[in-house]
Protein backbone atom coordinates (compact mmCIF):
# COMPACT_ATOMS: atom_id res chain seq x y z
CA MET A 1 76.39 -133.71 -158.98
CA GLY A 2 79.19 -132.97 -161.42
CA ARG A 3 81.68 -135.23 -163.04
CA ARG A 4 84.14 -137.13 -160.91
CA PRO A 5 87.35 -135.10 -160.59
CA HIS A 6 90.46 -135.78 -162.62
CA PRO A 7 94.02 -135.87 -161.40
CA LYS A 8 96.19 -132.82 -162.06
CA ASN A 9 96.46 -131.44 -165.55
CA ALA A 10 98.94 -133.28 -167.70
CA ALA A 11 101.49 -131.62 -169.93
CA ARG A 12 101.88 -134.71 -172.10
CA SER A 13 101.62 -134.22 -175.84
CA ASN A 14 101.32 -136.23 -179.03
CA THR A 15 103.04 -135.50 -182.29
CA GLY A 16 101.50 -135.86 -185.72
CA GLN A 17 98.11 -134.87 -187.02
CA LYS A 18 96.08 -137.76 -185.61
CA SER A 19 95.47 -137.97 -181.88
CA PRO A 20 93.57 -140.45 -179.70
CA PHE A 21 92.48 -137.49 -177.56
CA PRO A 22 89.74 -134.96 -178.34
CA ARG A 23 90.91 -131.71 -179.86
CA LEU A 24 88.61 -128.82 -179.02
CA TYR A 25 88.77 -125.77 -181.23
CA GLY A 26 87.33 -122.29 -181.40
CA ARG A 27 87.51 -119.58 -178.77
CA HIS A 28 84.29 -120.44 -176.93
CA ALA A 29 84.87 -124.20 -176.66
CA VAL A 30 88.53 -123.80 -175.64
CA PHE A 31 87.89 -121.10 -173.05
CA ALA A 32 85.03 -123.13 -171.54
CA ALA A 33 87.34 -126.15 -171.25
CA LEU A 34 90.12 -124.08 -169.67
CA ASP A 35 87.62 -122.85 -167.07
CA ASN A 36 86.50 -126.39 -166.19
CA PRO A 37 88.36 -127.67 -163.11
CA ASP A 38 87.50 -131.25 -164.05
CA ARG A 39 89.38 -131.08 -167.36
CA VAL A 40 92.80 -132.62 -167.91
CA PHE A 41 94.68 -130.66 -170.58
CA ARG A 42 97.38 -132.15 -172.74
CA LYS A 43 98.49 -129.45 -175.15
CA LEU A 44 97.34 -126.00 -176.21
CA HIS A 45 97.96 -124.76 -179.74
CA LEU A 46 97.85 -120.99 -180.33
CA THR A 47 98.83 -118.39 -182.87
CA PRO A 48 101.03 -115.49 -181.71
CA ALA A 49 97.98 -113.21 -181.84
CA THR A 50 95.63 -115.45 -179.83
CA ALA A 51 98.35 -116.17 -177.25
CA LYS A 52 97.90 -112.58 -176.04
CA THR A 53 94.24 -113.21 -175.19
CA VAL A 54 94.44 -116.29 -172.97
CA VAL A 55 95.74 -117.04 -169.49
CA ILE A 56 97.70 -120.26 -169.89
CA PRO A 57 97.37 -122.67 -166.95
CA ARG A 58 100.63 -123.45 -165.20
CA GLY A 59 102.31 -126.59 -166.52
CA LEU A 60 100.30 -126.77 -169.75
CA ALA A 61 102.44 -127.42 -172.83
CA VAL A 62 101.88 -124.79 -175.53
CA GLN A 63 102.80 -124.93 -179.20
CA TYR A 64 102.64 -121.85 -181.42
CA GLY A 65 101.88 -121.81 -185.12
CA ASP A 66 100.04 -119.90 -187.81
CA ASP A 67 96.45 -120.45 -188.91
CA ALA A 68 97.49 -123.13 -191.39
CA ASP A 69 99.42 -125.04 -188.72
CA LEU A 70 96.38 -125.13 -186.45
CA GLY A 71 94.14 -125.98 -189.38
CA ARG A 72 96.04 -129.21 -189.91
CA LEU A 73 95.06 -130.33 -186.38
CA VAL A 74 91.29 -130.11 -186.89
CA PRO A 75 88.75 -131.14 -189.55
CA ALA A 76 89.03 -129.40 -192.90
CA ASP A 77 87.66 -125.84 -192.84
CA ALA A 78 86.92 -126.06 -189.10
CA PRO A 79 86.77 -122.52 -187.66
CA HIS A 80 89.49 -122.86 -185.02
CA GLN A 81 89.90 -119.06 -184.57
CA GLY A 82 93.50 -119.60 -183.50
CA PHE A 83 92.72 -121.95 -180.57
CA VAL A 84 93.13 -125.75 -180.47
CA LEU A 85 93.19 -127.56 -177.13
CA GLU A 86 94.01 -131.26 -176.84
CA VAL A 87 92.33 -132.76 -173.78
CA GLU A 88 91.54 -136.03 -172.10
CA PRO A 89 87.86 -137.02 -172.17
CA LEU A 90 85.80 -136.06 -169.16
CA GLU A 91 84.97 -138.77 -166.67
CA ASN A 92 81.55 -140.32 -167.17
CA VAL A 93 78.86 -139.20 -164.74
CA TRP A 94 77.10 -142.02 -162.89
CA LEU A 95 73.38 -142.16 -163.54
CA GLY A 96 72.78 -143.35 -159.98
CA ASP A 97 74.33 -140.13 -158.65
CA ILE A 98 72.11 -137.98 -160.87
CA LEU A 99 68.97 -139.85 -159.81
CA ALA A 100 69.88 -139.75 -156.11
CA ASN A 101 70.36 -135.98 -156.32
CA ALA A 102 67.03 -135.56 -158.09
CA ILE A 103 65.27 -137.39 -155.25
CA ALA A 104 67.15 -135.46 -152.57
CA GLU A 105 66.51 -132.04 -154.16
CA ASN A 106 62.88 -132.82 -155.04
CA ASP A 107 62.67 -130.51 -158.05
CA ASN A 108 61.27 -131.05 -161.51
CA ARG A 109 64.28 -130.34 -163.71
CA PRO A 110 64.16 -132.68 -166.70
CA LEU A 111 66.53 -135.33 -167.90
CA VAL A 112 67.24 -135.56 -171.62
CA VAL A 113 67.56 -139.12 -172.95
CA LEU A 114 68.79 -139.71 -176.51
CA ASP A 115 68.13 -143.01 -178.26
CA GLN A 116 70.86 -143.53 -180.86
CA VAL A 117 71.21 -139.90 -181.93
CA THR A 118 74.60 -140.14 -183.62
CA ASP A 119 75.25 -136.76 -185.27
CA PRO A 120 77.69 -134.77 -183.07
CA HIS A 121 76.22 -131.48 -184.36
CA ASN A 122 72.79 -132.52 -183.07
CA VAL A 123 74.05 -133.86 -179.75
CA GLY A 124 76.10 -130.72 -179.18
CA ALA A 125 73.14 -128.47 -180.00
CA ILE A 126 70.92 -130.51 -177.65
CA MET A 127 73.53 -130.08 -174.91
CA ARG A 128 73.47 -126.33 -175.46
CA SER A 129 69.67 -126.19 -175.11
CA ALA A 130 69.74 -128.54 -172.11
CA ALA A 131 72.21 -126.30 -170.30
CA ALA A 132 70.33 -123.14 -171.30
CA PHE A 133 66.99 -124.41 -169.97
CA GLY A 134 68.34 -126.00 -166.79
CA ALA A 135 68.14 -129.70 -167.57
CA ARG A 136 69.58 -131.99 -164.93
CA ALA A 137 71.69 -134.18 -167.25
CA LEU A 138 72.00 -135.79 -170.65
CA VAL A 139 71.76 -139.59 -170.93
CA THR A 140 73.04 -141.49 -173.98
CA GLN A 141 74.36 -144.95 -174.74
CA ASP A 142 78.10 -145.38 -174.71
CA ARG A 143 77.69 -146.93 -178.18
CA HIS A 144 75.54 -145.54 -181.02
CA ALA A 145 76.25 -142.02 -179.77
CA PRO A 146 79.12 -139.65 -180.54
CA GLY A 147 82.00 -139.23 -178.15
CA GLU A 148 83.70 -135.99 -177.25
CA SER A 149 85.06 -134.15 -180.25
CA GLY A 150 85.79 -130.69 -181.49
CA VAL A 151 82.63 -130.76 -183.61
CA LEU A 152 80.42 -131.67 -180.65
CA ALA A 153 82.12 -129.17 -178.32
CA ARG A 154 81.73 -126.32 -180.80
CA SER A 155 78.05 -127.15 -181.37
CA ALA A 156 77.56 -127.31 -177.59
CA SER A 157 79.03 -123.80 -177.23
CA GLY A 158 80.48 -124.47 -173.78
CA ALA A 159 77.70 -126.77 -172.51
CA LEU A 160 79.94 -129.85 -172.78
CA GLU A 161 81.90 -128.52 -169.81
CA ILE A 162 78.92 -127.83 -167.53
CA LEU A 163 76.13 -130.30 -168.37
CA PRO A 164 76.44 -133.70 -166.66
CA TRP A 165 76.62 -136.42 -169.32
CA CYS A 166 75.74 -140.01 -168.40
CA ARG A 167 76.82 -142.64 -170.93
CA VAL A 168 75.16 -145.95 -170.16
CA VAL A 169 75.69 -149.46 -171.52
CA ASN A 170 72.01 -150.41 -171.73
CA LEU A 171 69.51 -147.63 -172.42
CA ALA A 172 66.45 -149.76 -171.64
CA ARG A 173 67.87 -150.63 -168.22
CA ALA A 174 68.73 -146.97 -167.64
CA LEU A 175 65.14 -145.97 -168.45
CA ASP A 176 63.94 -148.53 -165.89
CA GLU A 177 66.15 -146.87 -163.25
CA ILE A 178 64.95 -143.43 -164.30
CA GLY A 179 61.32 -144.50 -163.89
CA GLU A 180 62.02 -146.07 -160.49
CA ALA A 181 63.51 -142.73 -159.37
CA GLY A 182 60.18 -141.00 -160.00
CA PHE A 183 60.73 -139.50 -163.44
CA TRP A 184 57.84 -139.48 -165.90
CA ARG A 185 59.37 -140.80 -169.12
CA ILE A 186 57.94 -138.92 -172.10
CA GLY A 187 58.88 -140.18 -175.55
CA LEU A 188 58.57 -137.63 -178.36
CA ASP A 189 56.84 -138.88 -181.49
CA GLY A 190 54.93 -136.79 -184.03
CA ARG A 191 52.26 -139.51 -184.37
CA ALA A 192 51.20 -139.31 -180.71
CA ASP A 193 47.68 -138.23 -179.73
CA VAL A 194 48.75 -136.18 -176.68
CA ASP A 195 50.69 -132.92 -176.92
CA LEU A 196 53.80 -132.38 -174.84
CA GLU A 197 52.34 -129.65 -172.64
CA THR A 198 49.57 -131.99 -171.49
CA ALA A 199 52.06 -134.82 -170.90
CA LEU A 200 54.37 -132.63 -168.81
CA ALA A 201 51.61 -131.66 -166.35
CA ASN A 202 53.14 -131.62 -162.85
CA THR A 203 55.74 -134.30 -163.45
CA ARG A 204 59.49 -134.71 -163.09
CA PRO A 205 60.07 -135.40 -166.79
CA ALA A 206 62.62 -137.42 -168.68
CA LEU A 207 62.38 -136.27 -172.29
CA VAL A 208 63.22 -139.23 -174.54
CA MET A 209 64.13 -138.54 -178.18
CA GLY A 210 65.14 -140.82 -181.02
CA ALA A 211 67.27 -140.46 -184.11
CA GLU A 212 66.00 -138.51 -187.08
CA GLY A 213 64.11 -140.69 -189.53
CA GLU A 214 64.13 -143.81 -187.37
CA GLY A 215 62.69 -142.24 -184.22
CA LEU A 216 62.44 -144.17 -180.97
CA ARG A 217 63.18 -147.88 -181.03
CA VAL A 218 60.43 -150.25 -179.91
CA LEU A 219 62.28 -151.27 -176.75
CA THR A 220 62.72 -147.61 -175.83
CA THR A 221 59.08 -146.76 -176.52
CA GLU A 222 57.97 -149.63 -174.27
CA ARG A 223 59.91 -148.05 -171.39
CA CYS A 224 58.17 -144.68 -171.75
CA ASP A 225 55.23 -143.78 -169.52
CA GLN A 226 53.69 -141.61 -172.21
CA ILE A 227 54.26 -140.70 -175.86
CA ALA A 228 53.70 -137.06 -176.79
CA LYS A 229 54.06 -134.74 -179.75
CA LEU A 230 54.97 -131.15 -180.40
CA PRO A 231 52.07 -129.13 -181.88
CA ILE A 232 53.70 -128.31 -185.23
CA SER A 233 51.92 -127.35 -188.43
CA ALA A 234 50.71 -130.10 -190.75
CA ALA A 235 52.74 -128.38 -193.46
CA MET A 236 55.89 -129.89 -191.92
CA GLU A 237 56.26 -133.60 -191.23
CA SER A 238 58.82 -133.25 -188.44
CA LEU A 239 61.56 -131.16 -186.86
CA ASN A 240 65.27 -131.73 -186.59
CA VAL A 241 65.90 -133.57 -183.30
CA SER A 242 67.93 -130.70 -181.85
CA ASN A 243 65.15 -128.21 -182.66
CA ALA A 244 62.57 -130.54 -181.13
CA ALA A 245 64.71 -130.87 -178.01
CA ALA A 246 65.02 -127.10 -177.66
CA ILE A 247 61.23 -126.65 -177.85
CA ALA A 248 60.58 -129.51 -175.41
CA LEU A 249 63.11 -128.14 -172.93
CA TYR A 250 61.62 -124.67 -173.20
CA ALA A 251 58.15 -126.11 -172.50
CA ALA A 252 59.49 -127.91 -169.41
CA ALA A 253 61.26 -124.77 -168.15
CA ARG A 254 58.20 -122.59 -168.81
CA ARG A 255 56.03 -124.95 -166.79
CA ASN A 256 58.44 -124.80 -163.85
CA ASN A 257 58.52 -121.01 -163.93
């Protein structure tokens, strides 16, 4: 199930450099947002050259400027490519809806659960892998996790617009619900005795990953059915969390195929 639909697109706009609304930038992130029927747009910023390459939705306010003008709307040195789109955040997806659909469809697509992963580059990259390998949804806390931003959207490379994202108040309680829905909760930890492929077996997995350095919190680990590791060389202590997620998602997809 996708996100709950928004009302019609709004042509409201804010002046000044700072905005309480996410500003997506870069061709891929902006085009993906424009193609998402659940998005509410506020203002589109273009250069005269990029304006020739985009179909502007009816009613959307557009402001034209040069590269420097658009550069002042986004983080320093952000590669906006002549596209900046101010949007309203997507509606949160209800975890109960995701779990109900998983039971109804009776397939083994994984959930991805992040325990206080706060870097938007990492979360965006994990979204991209999750969408690429057919994950059912991403689950994070509404605190101790990044919100929507241009950085996250660019790292997600369009996945922000298509991957259901559940932001929950209490991650431990959410993991309880996930387990009750028949998911096998696998926490990734390099110190585990069991490798991920063995843990996946014939399960409906929820892949649970913690922040770099700190790893999974104790309360999160206690909610996992099994702790597993990726079979990496002893020459490296660990992997970046987004790289680990990509490998784990590939392993889950490979098993299903």
